[in-house]
Each structure stands twice: as structure tokens, then as C-alpha cells.
Amino acid sequence: MEGAVLRLRPKLMTVVTTVASLLPLLWSSSTGSEILRPLAVPVLGGMVSSFFHILIVTPVLVAWLHEPRTEALTETELTPSVPVLPALMS
């Protein structure tokens, strides 16, 4: 979840600038717009869907998948049975 918070601003800035630059292509009715409009639609859809996927879907899935693992760990599983430092020195 911390990664989603850290990546929110850069990802949001990238998506907003890309969408803002492609909206004139999407709404244009001038000469040549019939060629550029099919390029703008999938790029806009991909940017918006990737925004929601990276910042909402992925963190929720990761939290959901790691939840049983963190509940199953006990105190004895979290502490090593052998001291780590003396084992490395010998």
C-alpha cells in the first residue's frame, strides 16, 4: 500500500498530461482526424485502465494474497532458532 501512495503523484501526472494531450485528437473534426481518432481512443483507454490497475487493483490483490501468510506466522517462526551473527563468523 505504501508503494501505491508513493506512485500516486507521478502516475497521476503522467496520465493527466497524456489524456489532456490526446483529447483534442479525439474531439477533432478537421481534415485528417479520421486517421488520428483511432490512434487516440486505445491510448486513452490504456492510460486510464493502467492507472486504475496499478494504483487500485494491484495493491488490493497483493494485500489480499499476503493476508493469510501474515496471520499464519507465529512468534517462533519470526525469530531465528540459531543466532545469525555467530553462525556467520565461524
C-alpha atoms as a PDB file:
ATOM      1  CA  MET A   1       0.000   0.000   0.000  1.00  0.00           C
ATOM      2  CA  GLU A   2       2.910   2.345   0.661  1.00  0.00           C
ATOM      3  CA  GLY A   3       4.093   1.909  -2.907  1.00  0.00           C
ATOM      4  CA  ALA A   4       0.701   2.947  -4.235  1.00  0.00           C
ATOM      5  CA  VAL A   5       0.826   6.127  -2.175  1.00  0.00           C
ATOM      6  CA  LEU A   6       4.356   6.920  -3.351  1.00  0.00           C
ATOM      7  CA  ARG A   7       3.497   6.334  -7.003  1.00  0.00           C
ATOM      8  CA  LEU A   8       0.213   8.246  -6.973  1.00  0.00           C
ATOM      9  CA  ARG A   9       1.528  11.684  -7.901  1.00  0.00           C
ATOM     10  CA  PRO A  10       3.922  10.660 -10.728  1.00  0.00           C
ATOM     11  CA  LYS A  11       1.407   8.252 -12.245  1.00  0.00           C
ATOM     12  CA  LEU A  12      -1.420  10.775 -11.968  1.00  0.00           C
ATOM     13  CA  MET A  13       0.706  13.487 -13.597  1.00  0.00           C
ATOM     14  CA  THR A  14       1.624  11.176 -16.470  1.00  0.00           C
ATOM     15  CA  VAL A  15      -1.958  10.055 -17.064  1.00  0.00           C
ATOM     16  CA  VAL A  16      -3.400  13.582 -16.866  1.00  0.00           C
ATOM     17  CA  THR A  17      -0.869  15.043 -19.308  1.00  0.00           C
ATOM     18  CA  THR A  18      -1.321  12.189 -21.779  1.00  0.00           C
ATOM     19  CA  VAL A  19      -5.115  12.348 -21.603  1.00  0.00           C
ATOM     20  CA  ALA A  20      -5.068  16.150 -21.914  1.00  0.00           C
ATOM     21  CA  SER A  21      -2.843  15.955 -24.986  1.00  0.00           C
ATOM     22  CA  LEU A  22      -4.996  13.287 -26.671  1.00  0.00           C
ATOM     23  CA  LEU A  23      -8.412  14.844 -26.064  1.00  0.00           C
ATOM     24  CA  PRO A  24      -8.030  17.356 -28.926  1.00  0.00           C
ATOM     25  CA  LEU A  25      -7.223  14.453 -31.271  1.00  0.00           C
ATOM     26  CA  LEU A  26     -10.283  12.593 -30.055  1.00  0.00           C
ATOM     27  CA  TRP A  27     -12.680  15.533 -30.441  1.00  0.00           C
ATOM     28  CA  SER A  28     -11.199  16.944 -33.650  1.00  0.00           C
ATOM     29  CA  SER A  29     -13.312  17.161 -36.776  1.00  0.00           C
ATOM     30  CA  SER A  30     -10.740  18.749 -39.064  1.00  0.00           C
ATOM     31  CA  THR A  31      -9.018  17.208 -42.052  1.00  0.00           C
ATOM     32  CA  GLY A  32      -7.107  14.067 -41.116  1.00  0.00           C
ATOM     33  CA  SER A  33      -8.997  13.456 -37.890  1.00  0.00           C
ATOM     34  CA  GLU A  34     -10.373  10.191 -39.247  1.00  0.00           C
ATOM     35  CA  ILE A  35      -6.802   8.874 -39.157  1.00  0.00           C
ATOM     36  CA  LEU A  36      -5.807  10.233 -35.743  1.00  0.00           C
ATOM     37  CA  ARG A  37      -9.004   9.416 -33.833  1.00  0.00           C
ATOM     38  CA  PRO A  38      -8.456   5.621 -33.969  1.00  0.00           C
ATOM     39  CA  LEU A  39      -5.000   6.210 -32.505  1.00  0.00           C
ATOM     40  CA  ALA A  40      -6.256   8.355 -29.613  1.00  0.00           C
ATOM     41  CA  VAL A  41      -9.031   6.041 -28.405  1.00  0.00           C
ATOM     42  CA  PRO A  42      -6.941   2.977 -27.438  1.00  0.00           C
ATOM     43  CA  VAL A  43      -4.155   5.090 -25.950  1.00  0.00           C
ATOM     44  CA  LEU A  44      -6.660   6.950 -23.764  1.00  0.00           C
ATOM     45  CA  GLY A  45      -8.309   3.711 -22.695  1.00  0.00           C
ATOM     46  CA  GLY A  46      -4.967   2.099 -21.948  1.00  0.00           C
ATOM     47  CA  MET A  47      -3.745   5.018 -19.867  1.00  0.00           C
ATOM     48  CA  VAL A  48      -6.915   5.220 -17.787  1.00  0.00           C
ATOM     49  CA  SER A  49      -7.164   1.461 -17.279  1.00  0.00           C
ATOM     50  CA  SER A  50      -3.474   1.153 -16.368  1.00  0.00           C
ATOM     51  CA  PHE A  51      -3.902   3.973 -13.860  1.00  0.00           C
ATOM     52  CA  PHE A  52      -6.677   2.119 -12.071  1.00  0.00           C
ATOM     53  CA  HIS A  53      -4.918  -1.216 -12.369  1.00  0.00           C
ATOM     54  CA  ILE A  54      -1.553  -0.095 -10.994  1.00  0.00           C
ATOM     55  CA  LEU A  55      -2.851   2.066  -8.180  1.00  0.00           C
ATOM     56  CA  ILE A  56      -6.001   0.242  -7.093  1.00  0.00           C
ATOM     57  CA  VAL A  57      -6.234  -3.354  -8.328  1.00  0.00           C
ATOM     58  CA  THR A  58      -2.623  -4.442  -7.797  1.00  0.00           C
ATOM     59  CA  PRO A  59      -2.238  -3.196  -4.181  1.00  0.00           C
ATOM     60  CA  VAL A  60      -5.570  -4.743  -3.216  1.00  0.00           C
ATOM     61  CA  LEU A  61      -4.594  -8.105  -4.739  1.00  0.00           C
ATOM     62  CA  VAL A  62      -1.187  -8.058  -3.072  1.00  0.00           C
ATOM     63  CA  ALA A  63      -2.728  -7.239   0.322  1.00  0.00           C
ATOM     64  CA  TRP A  64      -5.337  -9.943  -0.186  1.00  0.00           C
ATOM     65  CA  LEU A  65      -2.752 -12.576  -1.145  1.00  0.00           C
ATOM     66  CA  HIS A  66      -0.351 -11.739   1.707  1.00  0.00           C
ATOM     67  CA  GLU A  67      -3.045 -11.564   4.399  1.00  0.00           C
ATOM     68  CA  PRO A  68      -3.211 -15.326   5.188  1.00  0.00           C
ATOM     69  CA  ARG A  69       0.576 -15.558   5.271  1.00  0.00           C
ATOM     70  CA  THR A  70       0.969 -12.814   7.888  1.00  0.00           C
ATOM     71  CA  GLU A  71      -1.766 -14.292  10.068  1.00  0.00           C
ATOM     72  CA  ALA A  72      -0.232 -17.780   9.928  1.00  0.00           C
ATOM     73  CA  LEU A  73       3.190 -16.661  11.209  1.00  0.00           C
ATOM     74  CA  THR A  74       3.730 -17.021  14.924  1.00  0.00           C
ATOM     75  CA  GLU A  75       6.353 -15.546  17.227  1.00  0.00           C
ATOM     76  CA  THR A  76       8.552 -18.650  16.971  1.00  0.00           C
ATOM     77  CA  GLU A  77       8.547 -18.552  13.190  1.00  0.00           C
ATOM     78  CA  LEU A  78       9.604 -14.908  13.161  1.00  0.00           C
ATOM     79  CA  THR A  79      12.643 -15.373  15.451  1.00  0.00           C
ATOM     80  CA  PRO A  80      15.562 -17.464  14.197  1.00  0.00           C
ATOM     81  CA  SER A  81      16.373 -20.597  16.201  1.00  0.00           C
ATOM     82  CA  VAL A  82      20.128 -20.193  15.638  1.00  0.00           C
ATOM     83  CA  PRO A  83      21.871 -16.872  16.292  1.00  0.00           C
ATOM     84  CA  VAL A  84      22.774 -15.403  12.949  1.00  0.00           C
ATOM     85  CA  LEU A  85      25.950 -13.475  13.801  1.00  0.00           C
ATOM     86  CA  PRO A  86      27.950 -16.316  15.445  1.00  0.00           C
ATOM     87  CA  ALA A  87      26.964 -18.666  12.617  1.00  0.00           C
ATOM     88  CA  LEU A  88      28.385 -16.239  10.055  1.00  0.00           C
ATOM     89  CA  MET A  89      31.662 -15.764  11.947  1.00  0.00           C
ATOM     90  CA  SER A  90      32.615 -19.442  12.139  1.00  0.00           C
END
